[in-house]
C-alpha atoms as a PDB file:
ATOM      1  CA  MET A   1      -3.336 -29.144  16.123  1.00  0.00           C
ATOM      2  CA  LEU A   2      -0.634 -27.494  14.090  1.00  0.00           C
ATOM      3  CA  PRO A   3      -0.373 -28.913  10.089  1.00  0.00           C
ATOM      4  CA  VAL A   4       2.598 -30.986   9.649  1.00  0.00           C
ATOM      5  CA  CYS A   5       5.348 -29.764   7.138  1.00  0.00           C
ATOM      6  CA  VAL A   6       5.750 -33.011   5.203  1.00  0.00           C
ATOM      7  CA  GLY A   7       9.020 -32.627   2.313  1.00  0.00           C
ATOM      8  CA  ALA A   8       8.329 -29.238   1.562  1.00  0.00           C
ATOM      9  CA  ALA A   9      10.174 -27.501   4.187  1.00  0.00           C
ATOM     10  CA  THR A  10      13.018 -25.482   2.915  1.00  0.00           C
ATOM     11  CA  ALA A  11      15.201 -22.950   4.766  1.00  0.00           C
ATOM     12  CA  ALA A  12      14.649 -19.642   3.678  1.00  0.00           C
ATOM     13  CA  THR A  13      16.927 -18.571   0.497  1.00  0.00           C
ATOM     14  CA  LYS A  14      18.614 -15.003   0.307  1.00  0.00           C
ATOM     15  CA  SER A  15      15.574 -14.065  -2.021  1.00  0.00           C
ATOM     16  CA  ASP A  16      13.169 -14.559   0.725  1.00  0.00           C
ATOM     17  CA  ARG A  17      14.789 -11.876   2.966  1.00  0.00           C
ATOM     18  CA  TRP A  18      14.094  -8.383   2.043  1.00  0.00           C
ATOM     19  CA  GLU A  19      16.746  -5.634   2.404  1.00  0.00           C
ATOM     20  CA  PRO A  20      16.002  -2.157   2.873  1.00  0.00           C
ATOM     21  CA  GLY A  21      16.321  -0.215  -0.719  1.00  0.00           C
ATOM     22  CA  ARG A  22      15.665  -3.723  -2.526  1.00  0.00           C
ATOM     23  CA  LYS A  23      12.878  -3.081  -4.898  1.00  0.00           C
ATOM     24  CA  ARG A  24       9.750  -5.371  -4.549  1.00  0.00           C
ATOM     25  CA  GLU A  25       8.073  -6.809  -7.583  1.00  0.00           C
ATOM     26  CA  SER A  26       4.454  -6.076  -8.060  1.00  0.00           C
ATOM     27  CA  HIS A  27       2.054  -8.378  -6.587  1.00  0.00           C
ATOM     28  CA  ILE A  28      -1.917  -9.192  -5.890  1.00  0.00           C
ATOM     29  CA  GLY A  29      -2.101  -8.509  -2.088  1.00  0.00           C
ATOM     30  CA  GLN A  30      -2.021 -11.004   0.483  1.00  0.00           C
ATOM     31  CA  VAL A  31      -3.585 -12.170   3.563  1.00  0.00           C
ATOM     32  CA  ILE A  32      -0.815 -13.138   5.905  1.00  0.00           C
ATOM     33  CA  VAL A  33      -1.939 -14.608   9.475  1.00  0.00           C
ATOM     34  CA  ILE A  34       1.373 -14.084  12.025  1.00  0.00           C
ATOM     35  CA  GLU A  35       1.329 -16.212  15.073  1.00  0.00           C
ATOM     36  CA  PHE A  36       3.488 -16.980  18.138  1.00  0.00           C
ATOM     37  CA  ILE A  37       2.059 -20.817  18.624  1.00  0.00           C
ATOM     38  CA  THR A  38       2.869 -24.194  20.633  1.00  0.00           C
ATOM     39  CA  LEU A  39       3.908 -27.156  19.666  1.00  0.00           C
ATOM     40  CA  ASP A  40      -0.038 -28.385  20.360  1.00  0.00           C
ATOM     41  CA  GLY A  41      -1.444 -25.377  18.323  1.00  0.00           C
ATOM     42  CA  VAL A  42      -2.469 -22.946  21.187  1.00  0.00           C
ATOM     43  CA  VAL A  43      -1.903 -18.880  20.556  1.00  0.00           C
ATOM     44  CA  SER A  44      -3.397 -17.492  23.389  1.00  0.00           C
ATOM     45  CA  ASP A  45      -1.243 -15.190  25.790  1.00  0.00           C
ATOM     46  CA  PRO A  46       2.201 -15.920  24.612  1.00  0.00           C
ATOM     47  CA  ASP A  47       3.440 -12.583  26.129  1.00  0.00           C
ATOM     48  CA  GLY A  48       1.647 -13.069  29.871  1.00  0.00           C
ATOM     49  CA  SER A  49      -0.291  -9.964  29.307  1.00  0.00           C
ATOM     50  CA  ALA A  50      -3.618 -11.720  29.903  1.00  0.00           C
ATOM     51  CA  GLY A  51      -2.721 -13.131  33.040  1.00  0.00           C
ATOM     52  CA  THR A  52      -3.888 -16.795  32.149  1.00  0.00           C
ATOM     53  CA  PRO A  53      -2.084 -19.452  34.524  1.00  0.00           C
ATOM     54  CA  THR A  54       0.420 -20.394  31.754  1.00  0.00           C
ATOM     55  CA  GLY A  55       0.768 -17.155  29.861  1.00  0.00           C
ATOM     56  CA  GLY A  56       4.336 -15.785  28.913  1.00  0.00           C
ATOM     57  CA  TRP A  57       5.066 -19.123  27.278  1.00  0.00           C
ATOM     58  CA  ALA A  58       7.036 -17.395  24.025  1.00  0.00           C
ATOM     59  CA  PHE A  59       8.878 -14.614  26.305  1.00  0.00           C
ATOM     60  CA  ARG A  60      10.418 -17.176  28.226  1.00  0.00           C
ATOM     61  CA  GLN A  61      12.333 -18.154  25.342  1.00  0.00           C
ATOM     62  CA  GLY A  62      14.515 -14.793  25.384  1.00  0.00           C
ATOM     63  CA  PRO A  63      14.608 -11.787  23.158  1.00  0.00           C
ATOM     64  CA  GLU A  64      16.485 -13.449  20.584  1.00  0.00           C
ATOM     65  CA  THR A  65      13.404 -15.343  20.101  1.00  0.00           C
ATOM     66  CA  VAL A  66      10.703 -12.919  20.012  1.00  0.00           C
ATOM     67  CA  ALA A  67      12.428  -9.637  18.995  1.00  0.00           C
ATOM     68  CA  GLY A  68      12.623  -7.760  15.525  1.00  0.00           C
ATOM     69  CA  ASP A  69      11.177  -8.760  12.612  1.00  0.00           C
ATOM     70  CA  LYS A  70      11.368 -12.587  13.200  1.00  0.00           C
ATOM     71  CA  PHE A  71       8.465 -13.008  10.697  1.00  0.00           C
ATOM     72  CA  ARG A  72      10.547 -11.892   7.813  1.00  0.00           C
ATOM     73  CA  LEU A  73       7.912  -9.499   6.725  1.00  0.00           C
ATOM     74  CA  GLY A  74      10.519  -6.995   5.377  1.00  0.00           C
ATOM     75  CA  PRO A  75       8.949  -4.604   2.530  1.00  0.00           C
ATOM     76  CA  VAL A  76       5.252  -5.566   3.856  1.00  0.00           C
ATOM     77  CA  LEU A  77       6.212  -3.492   6.742  1.00  0.00           C
ATOM     78  CA  GLU A  78       6.306  -0.506   4.632  1.00  0.00           C
ATOM     79  CA  THR A  79       3.918  -1.352   1.985  1.00  0.00           C
ATOM     80  CA  GLY A  80       1.108  -3.316   3.652  1.00  0.00           C
ATOM     81  CA  VAL A  81      -1.661  -2.877   6.311  1.00  0.00           C
ATOM     82  CA  LEU A  82      -1.763  -4.434   9.789  1.00  0.00           C
ATOM     83  CA  LEU A  83      -5.430  -5.545  10.567  1.00  0.00           C
ATOM     84  CA  LEU A  84      -6.162  -5.689  14.563  1.00  0.00           C
ATOM     85  CA  GLY A  85      -8.909  -6.682  17.059  1.00  0.00           C
ATOM     86  CA  ARG A  86      -9.829  -4.378  19.958  1.00  0.00           C
ATOM     87  CA  THR A  87      -7.699  -6.445  22.442  1.00  0.00           C
ATOM     88  CA  THR A  88      -4.181  -6.573  20.276  1.00  0.00           C
ATOM     89  CA  TRP A  89      -4.553  -3.100  19.320  1.00  0.00           C
ATOM     90  CA  GLN A  90      -5.105  -1.944  22.648  1.00  0.00           C
ATOM     91  CA  LEU A  91      -2.189  -4.030  23.938  1.00  0.00           C
ATOM     92  CA  PHE A  92       0.115  -3.007  21.174  1.00  0.00           C
ATOM     93  CA  SER A  93      -0.844   0.620  21.730  1.00  0.00           C
ATOM     94  CA  ARG A  94       0.587   0.355  24.966  1.00  0.00           C
ATOM     95  CA  LEU A  95       3.999  -1.235  23.891  1.00  0.00           C
ATOM     96  CA  TRP A  96       4.918   0.179  20.930  1.00  0.00           C
ATOM     97  CA  PRO A  97       4.551   3.838  20.137  1.00  0.00           C
ATOM     98  CA  ASP A  98       7.339   4.923  22.890  1.00  0.00           C
ATOM     99  CA  ARG A  99       9.747   2.119  21.423  1.00  0.00           C
ATOM    100  CA  GLN A 100      12.616   4.020  18.924  1.00  0.00           C
ATOM    101  CA  ASP A 101      14.622   0.873  17.479  1.00  0.00           C
ATOM    102  CA  PRO A 102      14.357   0.656  13.565  1.00  0.00           C
ATOM    103  CA  PHE A 103      11.552  -2.089  13.698  1.00  0.00           C
ATOM    104  CA  ALA A 104       9.390  -0.406  16.048  1.00  0.00           C
ATOM    105  CA  SER A 105       9.330   2.586  13.890  1.00  0.00           C
ATOM    106  CA  ARG A 106       8.245   0.479  11.148  1.00  0.00           C
ATOM    107  CA  MET A 107       5.751  -0.850  13.254  1.00  0.00           C
ATOM    108  CA  ASN A 108       4.570   2.639  14.306  1.00  0.00           C
ATOM    109  CA  ALA A 109       4.414   4.110  11.014  1.00  0.00           C
ATOM    110  CA  MET A 110       2.790   1.226   9.332  1.00  0.00           C
ATOM    111  CA  PRO A 111      -1.035   1.675   8.311  1.00  0.00           C
ATOM    112  CA  LYS A 112      -3.588  -0.025  10.796  1.00  0.00           C
ATOM    113  CA  LEU A 113      -7.093  -1.080  10.825  1.00  0.00           C
ATOM    114  CA  VAL A 114      -8.739  -1.915  13.681  1.00  0.00           C
ATOM    115  CA  ALA A 115     -11.910  -4.085  13.883  1.00  0.00           C
ATOM    116  CA  ALA A 116     -13.440  -2.224  17.217  1.00  0.00           C
ATOM    117  CA  SER A 117     -16.677  -0.838  18.362  1.00  0.00           C
ATOM    118  CA  PRO A 118     -17.950   2.717  16.563  1.00  0.00           C
ATOM    119  CA  GLY A 119     -16.681   5.518  18.467  1.00  0.00           C
ATOM    120  CA  THR A 120     -13.487   3.711  20.000  1.00  0.00           C
ATOM    121  CA  ASP A 121     -10.930   6.375  20.419  1.00  0.00           C
ATOM    122  CA  LEU A 122      -7.555   5.105  18.334  1.00  0.00           C
ATOM    123  CA  SER A 123      -5.456   8.217  19.111  1.00  0.00           C
ATOM    124  CA  ALA A 124      -2.752   6.104  21.206  1.00  0.00           C
ATOM    125  CA  TRP A 125      -1.477   4.586  18.133  1.00  0.00           C
ATOM    126  CA  ARG A 126      -0.693   6.900  15.144  1.00  0.00           C
ATOM    127  CA  SER A 127      -1.727   5.401  11.700  1.00  0.00           C
ATOM    128  CA  SER A 128      -4.580   3.647  13.602  1.00  0.00           C
ATOM    129  CA  THR A 129      -7.972   3.535  11.282  1.00  0.00           C
ATOM    130  CA  LEU A 130     -11.424   1.934  12.401  1.00  0.00           C
ATOM    131  CA  ILE A 131     -12.713  -0.215  10.589  1.00  0.00           C
ATOM    132  CA  ARG A 132     -16.097   0.721   8.931  1.00  0.00           C
ATOM    133  CA  GLY A 133     -18.708  -1.688   8.072  1.00  0.00           C
ATOM    134  CA  ASP A 134     -18.165  -5.205   7.387  1.00  0.00           C
ATOM    135  CA  LEU A 135     -14.930  -7.060   8.107  1.00  0.00           C
ATOM    136  CA  VAL A 136     -14.589  -9.281   5.262  1.00  0.00           C
ATOM    137  CA  ASP A 137     -15.562  -6.826   3.026  1.00  0.00           C
ATOM    138  CA  ALA A 138     -12.590  -4.473   4.356  1.00  0.00           C
ATOM    139  CA  VAL A 139     -10.529  -7.314   3.960  1.00  0.00           C
ATOM    140  CA  ARG A 140     -10.918  -7.600   0.353  1.00  0.00           C
ATOM    141  CA  VAL A 141     -11.002  -4.095  -0.674  1.00  0.00           C
ATOM    142  CA  GLN A 142      -7.568  -3.944   0.914  1.00  0.00           C
ATOM    143  CA  ARG A 143      -6.374  -6.957  -0.458  1.00  0.00           C
ATOM    144  CA  GLU A 144      -6.692  -5.606  -3.791  1.00  0.00           C
ATOM    145  CA  GLN A 145      -4.208  -2.834  -3.004  1.00  0.00           C
ATOM    146  CA  ARG A 146      -1.852  -4.189  -0.799  1.00  0.00           C
ATOM    147  CA  ASP A 147      -0.906  -7.272   1.632  1.00  0.00           C
ATOM    148  CA  VAL A 148      -2.728  -7.666   4.919  1.00  0.00           C
ATOM    149  CA  VAL A 149      -1.309  -8.558   7.785  1.00  0.00           C
ATOM    150  CA  ILE A 150      -2.828  -9.876  11.475  1.00  0.00           C
ATOM    151  CA  THR A 151      -0.900 -10.636  14.319  1.00  0.00           C
ATOM    152  CA  GLY A 152      -2.826 -12.179  17.432  1.00  0.00           C
ATOM    153  CA  SER A 153      -6.284 -10.985  17.057  1.00  0.00           C
ATOM    154  CA  LEU A 154      -8.072 -14.413  16.988  1.00  0.00           C
ATOM    155  CA  SER A 155     -11.462 -13.569  16.591  1.00  0.00           C
ATOM    156  CA  VAL A 156     -10.226 -11.480  13.389  1.00  0.00           C
ATOM    157  CA  VAL A 157      -8.547 -14.712  12.082  1.00  0.00           C
ATOM    158  CA  ARG A 158     -11.543 -16.880  12.636  1.00  0.00           C
ATOM    159  CA  GLN A 159     -13.742 -14.788  10.680  1.00  0.00           C
ATOM    160  CA  LEU A 160     -11.175 -14.980   7.726  1.00  0.00           C
ATOM    161  CA  GLN A 161     -10.897 -18.620   8.046  1.00  0.00           C
ATOM    162  CA  GLU A 162     -14.530 -18.986   7.871  1.00  0.00           C
ATOM    163  CA  ARG A 163     -14.581 -17.222   4.659  1.00  0.00           C
ATOM    164  CA  ASN A 164     -11.264 -18.696   3.141  1.00  0.00           C
ATOM    165  CA  LEU A 165      -9.401 -15.199   3.009  1.00  0.00           C
ATOM    166  CA  VAL A 166      -6.242 -16.595   4.425  1.00  0.00           C
ATOM    167  CA  ASP A 167      -3.541 -16.936   1.767  1.00  0.00           C
ATOM    168  CA  GLU A 168      -0.550 -17.554   4.014  1.00  0.00           C
ATOM    169  CA  TYR A 169       0.383 -18.652   7.855  1.00  0.00           C
ATOM    170  CA  ARG A 170       3.704 -17.287   9.289  1.00  0.00           C
ATOM    171  CA  LEU A 171       4.195 -19.327  12.656  1.00  0.00           C
ATOM    172  CA  LEU A 172       7.111 -18.859  15.046  1.00  0.00           C
ATOM    173  CA  ILE A 173       6.662 -22.544  16.808  1.00  0.00           C
ATOM    174  CA  PHE A 174       7.703 -22.830  20.171  1.00  0.00           C
ATOM    175  CA  PRO A 175       9.035 -26.002  21.603  1.00  0.00           C
ATOM    176  CA  THR A 176       6.464 -25.802  24.319  1.00  0.00           C
ATOM    177  CA  VAL A 177       2.993 -28.149  25.368  1.00  0.00           C
ATOM    178  CA  LEU A 178       0.582 -26.606  27.336  1.00  0.00           C
ATOM    179  CA  GLY A 179      -2.245 -28.888  26.681  1.00  0.00           C
ATOM    180  CA  ALA A 180      -5.073 -26.020  26.709  1.00  0.00           C
ATOM    181  CA  GLY A 181      -5.504 -22.708  25.915  1.00  0.00           C
ATOM    182  CA  GLU A 182      -7.195 -21.076  22.367  1.00  0.00           C
ATOM    183  CA  ARG A 183      -5.996 -23.112  19.541  1.00  0.00           C
ATOM    184  CA  LEU A 184      -5.239 -21.234  16.157  1.00  0.00           C
ATOM    185  CA  PHE A 185      -6.786 -24.239  14.207  1.00  0.00           C
ATOM    186  CA  PRO A 186      -9.846 -24.957  16.421  1.00  0.00           C
ATOM    187  CA  ASP A 187     -10.616 -28.897  17.222  1.00  0.00           C
ATOM    188  CA  PRO A 188     -12.772 -29.836  16.043  1.00  0.00           C
ATOM    189  CA  GLY A 189     -12.459 -27.688  12.905  1.00  0.00           C
ATOM    190  CA  ARG A 190     -12.579 -28.045   9.166  1.00  0.00           C
ATOM    191  CA  PRO A 191     -10.114 -29.976   7.177  1.00  0.00           C
ATOM    192  CA  LEU A 192      -7.576 -27.753   6.020  1.00  0.00           C
ATOM    193  CA  GLU A 193      -4.765 -29.031   3.303  1.00  0.00           C
ATOM    194  CA  LEU A 194      -2.009 -26.291   3.612  1.00  0.00           C
ATOM    195  CA  ILE A 195       1.276 -26.181   1.366  1.00  0.00           C
ATOM    196  CA  CYS A 196       4.687 -25.822   3.995  1.00  0.00           C
ATOM    197  CA  THR A 197       6.881 -23.194   1.540  1.00  0.00           C
ATOM    198  CA  SER A 198       9.863 -23.000   4.281  1.00  0.00           C
ATOM    199  CA  ALA A 199      10.968 -23.500   7.699  1.00  0.00           C
ATOM    200  CA  GLU A 200      14.050 -22.112   9.774  1.00  0.00           C
ATOM    201  CA  ARG A 201      15.870 -21.798  13.061  1.00  0.00           C
ATOM    202  CA  ALA A 202      14.711 -18.623  14.602  1.00  0.00           C
ATOM    203  CA  GLY A 203      16.237 -18.752  18.509  1.00  0.00           C
ATOM    204  CA  ALA A 204      14.920 -21.602  20.222  1.00  0.00           C
ATOM    205  CA  ALA A 205      11.762 -21.541  18.118  1.00  0.00           C
ATOM    206  CA  VAL A 206      11.378 -22.644  14.435  1.00  0.00           C
ATOM    207  CA  LEU A 207       9.370 -20.055  11.827  1.00  0.00           C
ATOM    208  CA  THR A 208       7.406 -22.140   9.264  1.00  0.00           C
ATOM    209  CA  ARG A 209       5.571 -20.433   6.313  1.00  0.00           C
ATOM    210  CA  TRP A 210       2.271 -22.356   4.990  1.00  0.00           C
ATOM    211  CA  SER A 211       0.245 -21.536   1.865  1.00  0.00           C
ATOM    212  CA  THR A 212      -3.541 -22.026   1.702  1.00  0.00           C
ATOM    213  CA  ARG A 213      -3.111 -21.775  -2.364  1.00  0.00           C
ATOM    214  CA  SER A 214      -1.815 -24.542  -4.480  1.00  0.00           C
END
């Protein structure tokens, strides 16, 4: 199930949005999970690439809902690091390198850490580096230096959830109920109290931001 945003939801203010050339205040790195998600909490196969019966639910809402910096990452695209599991990296490495729009250029240039088997060939997408050693230890080291963004990669997210390492969830919630599929917050799962810091319309969906820290 999705957490419920009670009282704390506010529209994103101008200060939440980044503009090129604007200075960013220094801060301790955050671990940020970004996901397309349905009303009933499903995150699997939003684009249909996995071929599941209900796949493609996010992309059926049109490009204005899914294209560009819909998660309001702003400067994190230039100063942070992207963390991906093997399956998500393989999908993205086929989609992003040939794109030339400004958002794609920032995605392609962003450093990427990949949780995959030793010896995995990562040459298809530049700035990709294989994680050596324990994933959790690697995230802790990176967090001391910069923001870490995880997209898709549910197996990676699960490991970080178990170790209480997620600082923020940015969830693009779609007006879809699937009834089945992999959920971001498993059921049954451990109780989790979140603080809703913002909510705003994004095409057919709603972008919400949830902090795990009081």
